[in-house]
Amino acid sequence: MGHAQGPNIPHGTLSDYIWGLIWSVILTAIAFGVVMTGSFDKITTIVILLVSAVTQIFVQLFYFLHMKRTPDQSWNIITGLFTIVQVLILFVGTLWVMYHLYINMQIGY
């Protein structure tokens, strides 16, 4: 059993994969360099890491998962957005619950 091949299955070119690799290495090197040199203050380092991480996500989606803005990819984009919303709800809900647990544990001390 092999992979399904057909006209509607998007595949990247070698050039796409090479550009994706180059961008991934550059973004990883930026994040590594910022942390290892320690030349920025804490807030600037965090901002650079977050921007680098989000950019890395888009590079991975575009070059390796081939999630481009074409009609063929609309369901992939919709399910990707749905997954992002679910993760955000889980993350924000967890922070909210933990914050209220912390506040409620402080009462009486």
Protein backbone atom coordinates (compact mmCIF):
# COMPACT_ATOMS: atom_id res chain seq x y z
CA MET A 1 0.00 0.00 0.00
CA GLY A 2 1.48 3.30 -1.09
CA HIS A 3 0.42 6.87 -0.79
CA ALA A 4 -2.58 7.99 -2.77
CA GLN A 5 -1.51 9.79 -5.91
CA GLY A 6 -3.81 11.88 -7.99
CA PRO A 7 -4.37 15.27 -9.57
CA ASN A 8 -6.00 16.74 -6.45
CA ILE A 9 -3.19 15.77 -4.07
CA PRO A 10 -0.89 18.81 -3.68
CA HIS A 11 2.82 18.13 -3.69
CA GLY A 12 5.64 20.54 -3.15
CA THR A 13 8.55 21.01 -5.45
CA LEU A 14 12.14 20.49 -4.44
CA SER A 15 12.52 24.26 -4.44
CA ASP A 16 9.65 24.57 -1.91
CA TYR A 17 11.30 22.08 0.42
CA ILE A 18 14.69 23.78 0.15
CA TRP A 19 13.21 27.22 0.86
CA GLY A 20 11.28 25.77 3.80
CA LEU A 21 14.47 24.23 5.16
CA ILE A 22 16.41 27.47 4.75
CA TRP A 23 13.73 29.53 6.51
CA SER A 24 13.40 26.95 9.30
CA VAL A 25 17.15 26.95 9.91
CA ILE A 26 17.31 30.77 9.89
CA LEU A 27 14.42 31.11 12.35
CA THR A 28 15.85 28.43 14.62
CA ALA A 29 19.29 30.10 14.53
CA ILE A 30 17.73 33.46 15.43
CA ALA A 31 15.94 31.98 18.44
CA PHE A 32 19.02 30.04 19.54
CA GLY A 33 21.30 33.05 19.10
CA VAL A 34 19.03 35.40 21.04
CA VAL A 35 18.86 33.02 24.00
CA MET A 36 22.51 31.96 24.02
CA THR A 37 24.02 35.44 23.68
CA GLY A 38 21.74 37.02 26.27
CA SER A 39 22.28 40.39 24.60
CA PHE A 40 18.64 41.48 24.94
CA ASP A 41 16.56 42.15 28.03
CA LYS A 42 13.98 39.58 29.12
CA ILE A 43 10.92 41.17 27.45
CA THR A 44 12.69 41.71 24.12
CA THR A 45 13.97 38.13 24.16
CA ILE A 46 10.47 36.78 24.77
CA VAL A 47 9.01 38.93 21.99
CA ILE A 48 11.71 37.80 19.53
CA LEU A 49 11.13 34.16 20.48
CA LEU A 50 7.36 34.47 20.07
CA VAL A 51 7.67 36.16 16.67
CA SER A 52 10.20 33.56 15.57
CA ALA A 53 7.97 30.70 16.77
CA VAL A 54 4.83 32.01 15.05
CA THR A 55 6.76 32.63 11.84
CA GLN A 56 8.19 29.10 12.10
CA ILE A 57 4.64 27.71 12.34
CA PHE A 58 3.62 29.50 9.15
CA VAL A 59 6.77 28.35 7.35
CA GLN A 60 6.00 24.75 8.32
CA LEU A 61 2.35 25.05 7.22
CA PHE A 62 3.17 26.72 3.91
CA TYR A 63 6.29 24.89 2.72
CA PHE A 64 5.94 21.42 4.25
CA LEU A 65 2.19 20.88 4.76
CA HIS A 66 1.34 22.82 1.56
CA MET A 67 -1.51 24.74 3.18
CA LYS A 68 -1.82 27.46 0.59
CA ARG A 69 -4.82 29.67 -0.11
CA THR A 70 -6.30 27.59 -2.91
CA PRO A 71 -9.84 26.18 -3.17
CA ASP A 72 -8.43 22.66 -2.78
CA GLN A 73 -7.04 23.54 0.64
CA SER A 74 -10.14 25.20 2.13
CA TRP A 75 -11.06 22.25 4.37
CA ASN A 76 -7.49 21.92 5.61
CA ILE A 77 -7.44 25.60 6.51
CA ILE A 78 -10.83 25.39 8.25
CA THR A 79 -9.78 22.38 10.33
CA GLY A 80 -6.48 24.09 11.14
CA LEU A 81 -8.31 27.19 12.37
CA PHE A 82 -10.71 25.04 14.38
CA THR A 83 -7.76 23.30 16.03
CA ILE A 84 -6.17 26.66 16.88
CA VAL A 85 -9.44 27.86 18.45
CA GLN A 86 -9.70 24.67 20.52
CA VAL A 87 -6.11 25.01 21.77
CA LEU A 88 -6.70 28.68 22.66
CA ILE A 89 -9.87 27.81 24.58
CA LEU A 90 -8.02 25.08 26.46
CA PHE A 91 -5.04 27.34 27.20
CA VAL A 92 -7.03 30.41 28.27
CA GLY A 93 -9.51 28.28 30.24
CA THR A 94 -6.67 26.57 32.09
CA LEU A 95 -5.08 29.91 32.96
CA TRP A 96 -8.44 31.26 34.12
CA VAL A 97 -9.14 28.25 36.35
CA MET A 98 -5.63 28.25 37.81
CA TYR A 99 -5.78 32.00 38.51
CA HIS A 100 -9.11 31.68 40.32
CA LEU A 101 -7.85 28.70 42.30
CA TYR A 102 -4.82 30.76 43.34
CA ILE A 103 -6.99 33.73 44.36
CA ASN A 104 -9.46 31.54 46.28
CA MET A 105 -6.62 29.79 48.14
CA GLN A 106 -5.38 33.20 49.39
CA ILE A 107 -8.61 33.94 51.27
CA GLY A 108 -8.22 33.37 54.97
CA TYR A 109 -4.42 33.67 55.14
